[in-house]
Amino acid sequence: MAKTKQQLRDYANTNRNTNGVQSLTGATENIMWNDVIDSMALEGSSDFLYLAPQGIAPPYKEGNVWYDDNKKTLAYQNEVNGIELNLGETWLRVINKSGAVIPNGSVVKNTGSDALELPTIELAMADEYVNAYVVGITTHEIGIDEIGYVTTSGEVGMDTLLLTEGQAVYLSDTTAGALTSTAPTIASVLGLCIVSDAADGRIFVNVQNLLNFPGSLGILQELNTPAISLTAGVPATLLGWTNSWDITMLVDAANGTITLPNVTGFYRVGITCQITFDSQSQTRTLAIDLHNQSTLTTVFTYVYNVPRDATSSSFSFQYPFSDNTNNSYTVRIASEDTETITFNKISFDIESLHLRQ
């Protein structure tokens, strides 16, 4: 039953021994009530304030405020029918400019803002660092060019059947906008699965973006054709590697490239090799360089002096460098003379020293 402020004043004046005192918005004096009052309409407004604990949300109307008896806190309805915000939860008002409908319970990232300075969103995915920095989980389905809400802290009701109840949830590295209970290599923690269920699943959202940057590593070892014929002064790229491993880097053994992740950071190259060659009566030099295939520039050159009359040798070096794009790198070797160098053992790797978003 709805009552005006004047009706409530009259009620309070005749029932001054009732429990509870509350100041109404815009009122200059306190109004008293007890739990027999179900709801009231504020003067000059069609919005309702439900005072008695509500086991279910009241019929939708923008501006409704009530005491949620399930969560034991105040809740209200905004301009989106079917969702309620409880006191203590945090939402972000956004607009979907992704070109596709974004379903309820989707993990999203920010892509900028529109003309009204609303944050624009699209689906996030943990395939790259730049795609794994998220703002939260959608509270409802948001249509193309529609304004909606993303939960950044609090509960979201969604299908959680494939998630493990009581465990942390992460942004998926295989499906855009999806959650997983298995931490991917690039891990953004979205919160906790409270209830695992298709119809009544719940997630407690507590976003921790890229909580731990994993080490990034690319390794190439051994050559399919270890004997390299060199033309004097002409660098030869080492191709056709036998073994390869990678963590968040892309390794191409056939082309001899290691591609860095698309994230700014400091990296370190390491090269180790054992070589044999024909003996010569004079010293000569070999030049081994780290070559940026994307920009066609040489990052670092290691010059090795081969002793006279020597037929084998070994050497290794490391070199730190900074990069802010996902460039591809190769190893090249050059000699001041025409000769054949055989790599009995060789390893080429790049590892991250410090990654930053």
Protein backbone atom coordinates (compact mmCIF):
# COMPACT_ATOMS: atom_id res chain seq x y z
CA MET A 1 0.00 0.00 0.00
CA ALA A 2 1.42 3.39 -1.01
CA LYS A 3 1.20 6.37 1.35
CA THR A 4 2.09 10.02 0.87
CA LYS A 5 4.41 11.80 3.27
CA GLN A 6 1.43 13.56 4.87
CA GLN A 7 -0.31 10.25 5.51
CA LEU A 8 2.87 8.97 7.12
CA ARG A 9 3.13 12.07 9.31
CA ASP A 10 -0.45 11.53 10.46
CA TYR A 11 0.30 7.88 11.13
CA ALA A 12 3.45 8.73 13.10
CA ASN A 13 1.66 11.35 15.20
CA THR A 14 -0.89 8.79 16.36
CA ASN A 15 1.66 5.98 16.85
CA ARG A 16 4.64 7.65 18.53
CA ASN A 17 5.58 4.49 20.44
CA THR A 18 6.37 2.57 17.25
CA ASN A 19 9.86 1.42 16.36
CA GLY A 20 12.23 3.18 13.97
CA VAL A 21 12.89 6.77 12.92
CA GLN A 22 13.80 7.77 9.38
CA SER A 23 14.20 11.11 7.55
CA LEU A 24 12.54 11.10 4.12
CA THR A 25 14.35 12.73 1.23
CA GLY A 26 13.46 16.42 1.14
CA ALA A 27 11.70 16.33 4.54
CA THR A 28 12.59 18.76 7.33
CA GLU A 29 11.48 16.47 10.12
CA ASN A 30 11.76 12.78 11.02
CA ILE A 31 8.98 10.39 10.04
CA MET A 32 8.23 7.35 12.18
CA TRP A 33 6.80 4.04 11.03
CA ASN A 34 6.66 0.35 11.92
CA ASP A 35 6.83 -2.82 9.92
CA VAL A 36 3.13 -2.85 9.03
CA ILE A 37 3.86 -0.30 6.28
CA ASP A 38 4.71 -2.16 3.09
CA SER A 39 5.64 0.75 0.83
CA MET A 40 5.17 4.45 0.29
CA ALA A 41 5.13 6.83 -2.64
CA LEU A 42 7.18 9.99 -2.16
CA GLU A 43 5.31 13.25 -2.80
CA GLY A 44 5.91 14.55 -6.31
CA SER A 45 7.24 11.18 -7.50
CA SER A 46 5.90 7.92 -8.86
CA ASP A 47 8.84 5.99 -7.37
CA PHE A 48 8.29 3.60 -4.50
CA LEU A 49 10.24 2.96 -1.31
CA TYR A 50 9.46 -0.48 0.11
CA LEU A 51 10.11 -0.46 3.84
CA ALA A 52 9.27 -3.99 4.91
CA PRO A 53 11.83 -6.69 3.97
CA GLN A 54 11.16 -7.98 0.45
CA GLY A 55 11.82 -11.65 -0.31
CA ILE A 56 11.61 -11.00 -4.05
CA ALA A 57 12.13 -7.84 -6.05
CA PRO A 58 9.01 -5.67 -6.38
CA PRO A 59 7.38 -5.18 -9.79
CA TYR A 60 9.84 -3.26 -11.95
CA LYS A 61 9.73 0.50 -11.99
CA GLU A 62 12.74 2.75 -12.45
CA GLY A 63 13.60 4.31 -9.11
CA ASN A 64 12.16 1.54 -6.90
CA VAL A 65 14.08 1.15 -3.62
CA TRP A 66 13.57 -1.73 -1.20
CA TYR A 67 15.19 -3.77 1.54
CA ASP A 68 16.40 -7.04 -0.02
CA ASP A 69 15.64 -9.66 2.62
CA ASN A 70 17.89 -12.23 0.92
CA LYS A 71 21.04 -10.12 0.86
CA LYS A 72 20.04 -8.07 3.94
CA THR A 73 20.77 -4.75 2.27
CA LEU A 74 19.05 -1.98 0.31
CA ALA A 75 18.52 -2.50 -3.41
CA TYR A 76 17.18 -0.36 -6.24
CA GLN A 77 16.09 -0.58 -9.87
CA ASN A 78 17.49 1.71 -12.55
CA GLU A 79 16.48 2.26 -16.18
CA VAL A 80 17.25 -1.35 -17.20
CA ASN A 81 14.36 -3.71 -16.49
CA GLY A 82 15.32 -6.99 -14.86
CA ILE A 83 18.44 -6.01 -12.90
CA GLU A 84 18.86 -4.69 -9.36
CA LEU A 85 21.82 -3.09 -7.64
CA ASN A 86 22.45 -3.91 -3.99
CA LEU A 87 24.21 -1.57 -1.61
CA GLY A 88 27.89 -2.58 -1.55
CA GLU A 89 28.04 -3.67 -5.19
CA THR A 90 29.76 -1.57 -7.88
CA TRP A 91 28.58 -1.14 -11.43
CA LEU A 92 30.02 0.73 -14.40
CA ARG A 93 27.62 2.35 -16.88
CA VAL A 94 28.86 1.55 -20.40
CA ILE A 95 27.83 1.49 -24.05
CA ASN A 96 28.26 -1.42 -26.46
CA LYS A 97 30.05 -0.23 -29.60
CA SER A 98 31.49 -3.65 -30.46
CA GLY A 99 29.12 -4.25 -33.38
CA ALA A 100 27.62 -7.36 -31.79
CA VAL A 101 25.25 -8.16 -28.92
CA ILE A 102 27.15 -8.81 -25.69
CA PRO A 103 25.43 -11.52 -23.60
CA ASN A 104 24.85 -11.42 -19.86
CA GLY A 105 27.81 -12.74 -17.88
CA SER A 106 30.42 -11.76 -20.48
CA VAL A 107 33.88 -10.54 -19.52
CA VAL A 108 34.54 -7.23 -21.25
CA LYS A 109 37.36 -4.77 -21.74
CA ASN A 110 37.28 -1.02 -22.32
CA THR A 111 37.97 0.28 -25.84
CA GLY A 112 37.62 4.02 -25.21
CA SER A 113 34.57 6.27 -24.86
CA ASP A 114 31.73 7.61 -26.98
CA ALA A 115 30.63 11.20 -27.63
CA LEU A 116 28.88 11.30 -24.23
CA GLU A 117 32.06 9.98 -22.55
CA LEU A 118 30.47 6.64 -21.70
CA PRO A 119 33.06 3.83 -21.62
CA THR A 120 32.82 1.65 -24.73
CA ILE A 121 33.25 -2.10 -24.34
CA GLU A 122 33.89 -5.30 -26.24
CA LEU A 123 34.56 -8.93 -25.30
CA ALA A 124 37.91 -9.64 -23.64
CA MET A 125 40.10 -12.72 -24.15
CA ALA A 126 43.34 -13.89 -22.55
CA ASP A 127 45.09 -14.60 -25.86
CA GLU A 128 47.16 -11.41 -25.61
CA TYR A 129 48.02 -9.06 -22.78
CA VAL A 130 46.19 -6.13 -24.40
CA ASN A 131 43.00 -8.20 -24.67
CA ALA A 132 43.17 -9.53 -21.11
CA TYR A 133 42.90 -6.21 -19.23
CA VAL A 134 39.21 -6.22 -18.23
CA VAL A 135 36.72 -3.90 -16.53
CA GLY A 136 34.25 -6.52 -15.27
CA ILE A 137 31.37 -8.85 -16.16
CA THR A 138 28.18 -7.71 -17.88
CA THR A 139 25.16 -7.63 -15.56
CA HIS A 140 22.68 -8.23 -18.39
CA GLU A 141 22.57 -8.59 -22.18
CA ILE A 142 23.66 -5.36 -23.88
CA GLY A 143 22.53 -4.84 -27.46
CA ILE A 144 24.44 -3.10 -30.23
CA ASP A 145 24.81 0.65 -29.45
CA GLU A 146 22.83 0.16 -26.23
CA ILE A 147 23.76 1.50 -22.80
CA GLY A 148 24.14 -1.10 -20.08
CA TYR A 149 25.92 -2.03 -16.88
CA VAL A 150 29.05 -4.01 -16.03
CA THR A 151 29.60 -5.39 -12.53
CA THR A 152 33.08 -4.49 -11.28
CA SER A 153 32.47 -5.72 -7.73
CA GLY A 154 29.55 -7.80 -6.47
CA GLU A 155 27.40 -10.70 -7.65
CA VAL A 156 26.32 -11.61 -11.17
CA GLY A 157 23.69 -14.26 -11.93
CA MET A 158 24.67 -16.30 -15.00
CA ASP A 159 25.26 -19.78 -16.41
CA THR A 160 28.17 -21.19 -14.39
CA LEU A 161 27.63 -24.90 -15.07
CA LEU A 162 31.12 -25.35 -16.54
CA LEU A 163 32.82 -23.58 -13.62
CA THR A 164 34.01 -25.12 -10.36
CA GLU A 165 32.05 -24.01 -7.32
CA GLY A 166 34.18 -22.38 -4.64
CA GLN A 167 37.15 -21.77 -6.94
CA ALA A 168 38.58 -18.70 -8.64
CA VAL A 169 37.44 -17.91 -12.17
CA TYR A 170 39.65 -16.56 -14.94
CA LEU A 171 39.27 -14.96 -18.33
CA SER A 172 39.36 -17.63 -21.03
CA ASP A 173 42.22 -17.69 -23.52
CA THR A 174 40.18 -19.62 -26.12
CA THR A 175 36.68 -18.07 -26.09
CA ALA A 176 36.12 -14.32 -26.12
CA GLY A 177 34.19 -13.06 -23.09
CA ALA A 178 34.10 -16.47 -21.39
CA LEU A 179 35.17 -17.64 -17.94
CA THR A 180 37.22 -20.67 -16.96
CA SER A 181 38.22 -22.32 -13.69
CA THR A 182 41.63 -23.22 -15.15
CA ALA A 183 44.19 -20.41 -15.04
CA PRO A 184 45.57 -19.68 -18.53
CA THR A 185 49.11 -18.51 -19.14
CA ILE A 186 47.94 -14.89 -19.20
CA ALA A 187 45.79 -14.81 -16.07
CA SER A 188 43.22 -12.17 -15.20
CA VAL A 189 41.27 -13.23 -12.10
CA LEU A 190 37.60 -12.25 -12.28
CA GLY A 191 36.48 -13.47 -8.86
CA LEU A 192 34.90 -16.61 -7.43
CA CYS A 193 32.23 -19.08 -8.53
CA ILE A 194 29.68 -19.10 -5.70
CA VAL A 195 27.11 -21.41 -7.32
CA SER A 196 27.80 -23.75 -10.24
CA ASP A 197 24.50 -24.04 -12.09
CA ALA A 198 23.14 -23.38 -15.58
CA ALA A 199 20.00 -21.55 -14.48
CA ASP A 200 20.86 -20.16 -11.04
CA GLY A 201 24.64 -19.81 -11.20
CA ARG A 202 26.33 -16.92 -9.42
CA ILE A 203 29.73 -15.29 -9.66
CA PHE A 204 31.22 -12.98 -7.07
CA VAL A 205 33.13 -10.44 -9.14
CA ASN A 206 36.45 -9.15 -7.81
CA VAL A 207 38.60 -8.10 -10.77
CA GLN A 208 42.37 -8.54 -10.47
CA ASN A 209 43.84 -7.70 -13.84
CA LEU A 210 46.98 -9.56 -14.90
CA LEU A 211 47.70 -10.35 -11.27
CA ASN A 212 50.93 -12.09 -12.17
CA PHE A 213 52.67 -11.43 -15.43
CA PRO A 214 54.00 -14.86 -16.46
CA GLY A 215 57.52 -15.21 -17.75
CA SER A 216 57.67 -14.96 -21.52
CA LEU A 217 60.10 -17.26 -23.30
CA GLY A 218 61.00 -18.49 -26.77
CA ILE A 219 63.67 -21.14 -27.46
CA LEU A 220 65.21 -22.59 -30.63
CA GLN A 221 67.84 -25.35 -30.50
CA GLU A 222 69.95 -27.28 -33.03
CA LEU A 223 69.89 -26.89 -36.78
CA ASN A 224 68.56 -29.43 -39.28
CA THR A 225 71.46 -28.48 -41.56
CA PRO A 226 74.31 -27.50 -39.23
CA ALA A 227 76.86 -26.66 -41.97
CA ILE A 228 76.42 -23.07 -43.20
CA SER A 229 78.32 -21.84 -46.26
CA LEU A 230 79.18 -18.17 -45.83
CA THR A 231 80.00 -15.61 -48.50
CA ALA A 232 82.47 -13.00 -47.28
CA GLY A 233 80.65 -10.07 -45.68
CA VAL A 234 77.13 -11.40 -46.41
CA PRO A 235 75.02 -12.27 -43.31
CA ALA A 236 73.24 -15.65 -43.42
CA THR A 237 70.06 -16.20 -41.40
CA LEU A 238 69.99 -19.41 -39.37
CA LEU A 239 66.95 -21.37 -40.62
CA GLY A 240 65.50 -24.82 -40.06
CA TRP A 241 65.83 -25.36 -36.34
CA THR A 242 65.19 -28.80 -34.87
CA ASN A 243 63.67 -28.04 -31.45
CA SER A 244 61.45 -25.22 -30.24
CA TRP A 245 59.57 -24.19 -27.09
CA ASP A 246 57.59 -21.09 -26.19
CA ILE A 247 55.63 -19.36 -23.42
CA THR A 248 53.47 -16.46 -24.71
CA MET A 249 55.95 -16.00 -27.59
CA LEU A 250 55.46 -17.31 -31.13
CA VAL A 251 58.33 -19.53 -32.31
CA ASP A 252 58.75 -20.49 -35.97
CA ALA A 253 61.47 -23.15 -36.24
CA ALA A 254 61.47 -23.31 -40.05
CA ASN A 255 62.03 -19.57 -40.49
CA GLY A 256 64.17 -19.25 -37.36
CA THR A 257 62.04 -16.51 -35.79
CA ILE A 258 61.01 -15.76 -32.21
CA THR A 259 58.16 -13.24 -32.01
CA LEU A 260 57.69 -11.27 -28.81
CA PRO A 261 54.26 -10.91 -27.15
CA ASN A 262 52.37 -7.70 -27.86
CA VAL A 263 53.36 -6.10 -24.56
CA THR A 264 55.95 -3.51 -23.63
CA GLY A 265 58.92 -4.83 -21.71
CA PHE A 266 62.60 -5.53 -21.32
CA TYR A 267 63.85 -8.77 -22.83
CA ARG A 268 67.16 -10.62 -23.02
CA VAL A 269 68.56 -12.64 -25.90
CA GLY A 270 70.92 -15.54 -25.24
CA ILE A 271 73.01 -17.40 -27.84
CA THR A 272 75.32 -20.34 -27.14
CA CYS A 273 77.10 -22.44 -29.74
CA GLN A 274 79.90 -24.90 -30.48
CA ILE A 275 81.33 -24.65 -34.00
CA THR A 276 83.92 -26.30 -36.24
CA PHE A 277 85.63 -24.88 -39.32
CA ASP A 278 88.69 -25.30 -41.53
CA SER A 279 92.00 -24.20 -40.12
CA GLN A 280 93.56 -21.02 -41.50
CA SER A 281 96.99 -19.52 -40.96
CA GLN A 282 95.60 -16.17 -39.90
CA THR A 283 93.00 -14.94 -37.44
CA ARG A 284 89.59 -13.89 -38.71
CA THR A 285 86.31 -12.75 -37.24
CA LEU A 286 82.76 -14.03 -37.13
CA ALA A 287 79.85 -11.66 -36.50
CA ILE A 288 76.65 -13.03 -34.91
CA ASP A 289 73.77 -10.62 -34.63
CA LEU A 290 70.22 -10.42 -33.32
CA HIS A 291 68.19 -9.16 -36.26
CA ASN A 292 64.73 -7.59 -36.05
CA GLN A 293 62.90 -9.08 -39.02
CA SER A 294 59.92 -6.77 -38.53
CA THR A 295 61.90 -3.54 -38.80
CA LEU A 296 64.88 -4.95 -40.75
CA THR A 297 67.33 -3.61 -38.19
CA THR A 298 70.13 -5.19 -36.18
CA VAL A 299 69.68 -4.93 -32.43
CA PHE A 300 73.05 -6.29 -31.34
CA THR A 301 76.17 -7.79 -32.94
CA TYR A 302 78.62 -10.09 -31.16
CA VAL A 303 82.05 -10.20 -32.81
CA TYR A 304 84.15 -13.32 -32.20
CA ASN A 305 87.82 -13.56 -33.09
CA VAL A 306 88.75 -17.01 -34.40
CA PRO A 307 92.38 -17.92 -33.51
CA ARG A 308 94.79 -18.90 -36.29
CA ASP A 309 95.16 -22.63 -36.96
CA ALA A 310 92.03 -23.33 -34.87
CA THR A 311 89.47 -25.87 -36.11
CA SER A 312 86.80 -25.56 -33.38
CA SER A 313 85.60 -23.15 -30.76
CA SER A 314 82.63 -22.21 -28.61
CA PHE A 315 81.15 -18.99 -27.30
CA SER A 316 78.01 -17.54 -25.74
CA PHE A 317 76.58 -14.12 -25.03
CA GLN A 318 73.52 -12.38 -23.62
CA TYR A 319 72.16 -8.95 -24.43
CA PRO A 320 69.22 -7.02 -22.90
CA PHE A 321 66.93 -4.87 -25.03
CA SER A 322 63.60 -3.07 -24.84
CA ASP A 323 60.64 -3.59 -27.15
CA ASN A 324 57.03 -2.38 -27.19
CA THR A 325 55.55 -4.30 -30.11
CA ASN A 326 55.38 -7.95 -31.16
CA ASN A 327 58.44 -7.90 -33.42
CA SER A 328 60.07 -11.05 -34.81
CA TYR A 329 63.78 -11.77 -34.32
CA THR A 330 66.31 -14.04 -36.01
CA VAL A 331 70.00 -14.90 -35.58
CA ARG A 332 72.37 -14.10 -38.46
CA ILE A 333 76.03 -14.97 -38.92
CA ALA A 334 78.63 -13.35 -41.18
CA SER A 335 82.31 -13.95 -41.87
CA GLU A 336 85.01 -11.76 -43.37
CA ASP A 337 86.04 -14.72 -45.53
CA THR A 338 84.21 -17.25 -47.65
CA GLU A 339 84.06 -20.43 -45.60
CA THR A 340 81.84 -23.12 -44.10
CA ILE A 341 80.88 -23.02 -40.43
CA THR A 342 79.37 -26.13 -38.84
CA PHE A 343 77.21 -25.68 -35.75
CA ASN A 344 77.63 -28.83 -33.67
CA LYS A 345 75.54 -27.35 -30.88
CA ILE A 346 73.55 -24.13 -30.85
CA SER A 347 70.78 -22.54 -28.80
CA PHE A 348 68.94 -19.25 -29.40
CA ASP A 349 66.45 -17.92 -26.85
CA ILE A 350 64.70 -14.72 -25.82
CA GLU A 351 63.24 -14.32 -22.31
CA SER A 352 61.35 -11.52 -20.60
CA LEU A 353 63.04 -9.53 -17.85
CA HIS A 354 60.17 -7.18 -17.02
CA LEU A 355 56.74 -6.93 -18.64
CA ARG A 356 54.43 -3.98 -18.17
CA GLN A 357 50.98 -3.09 -19.47
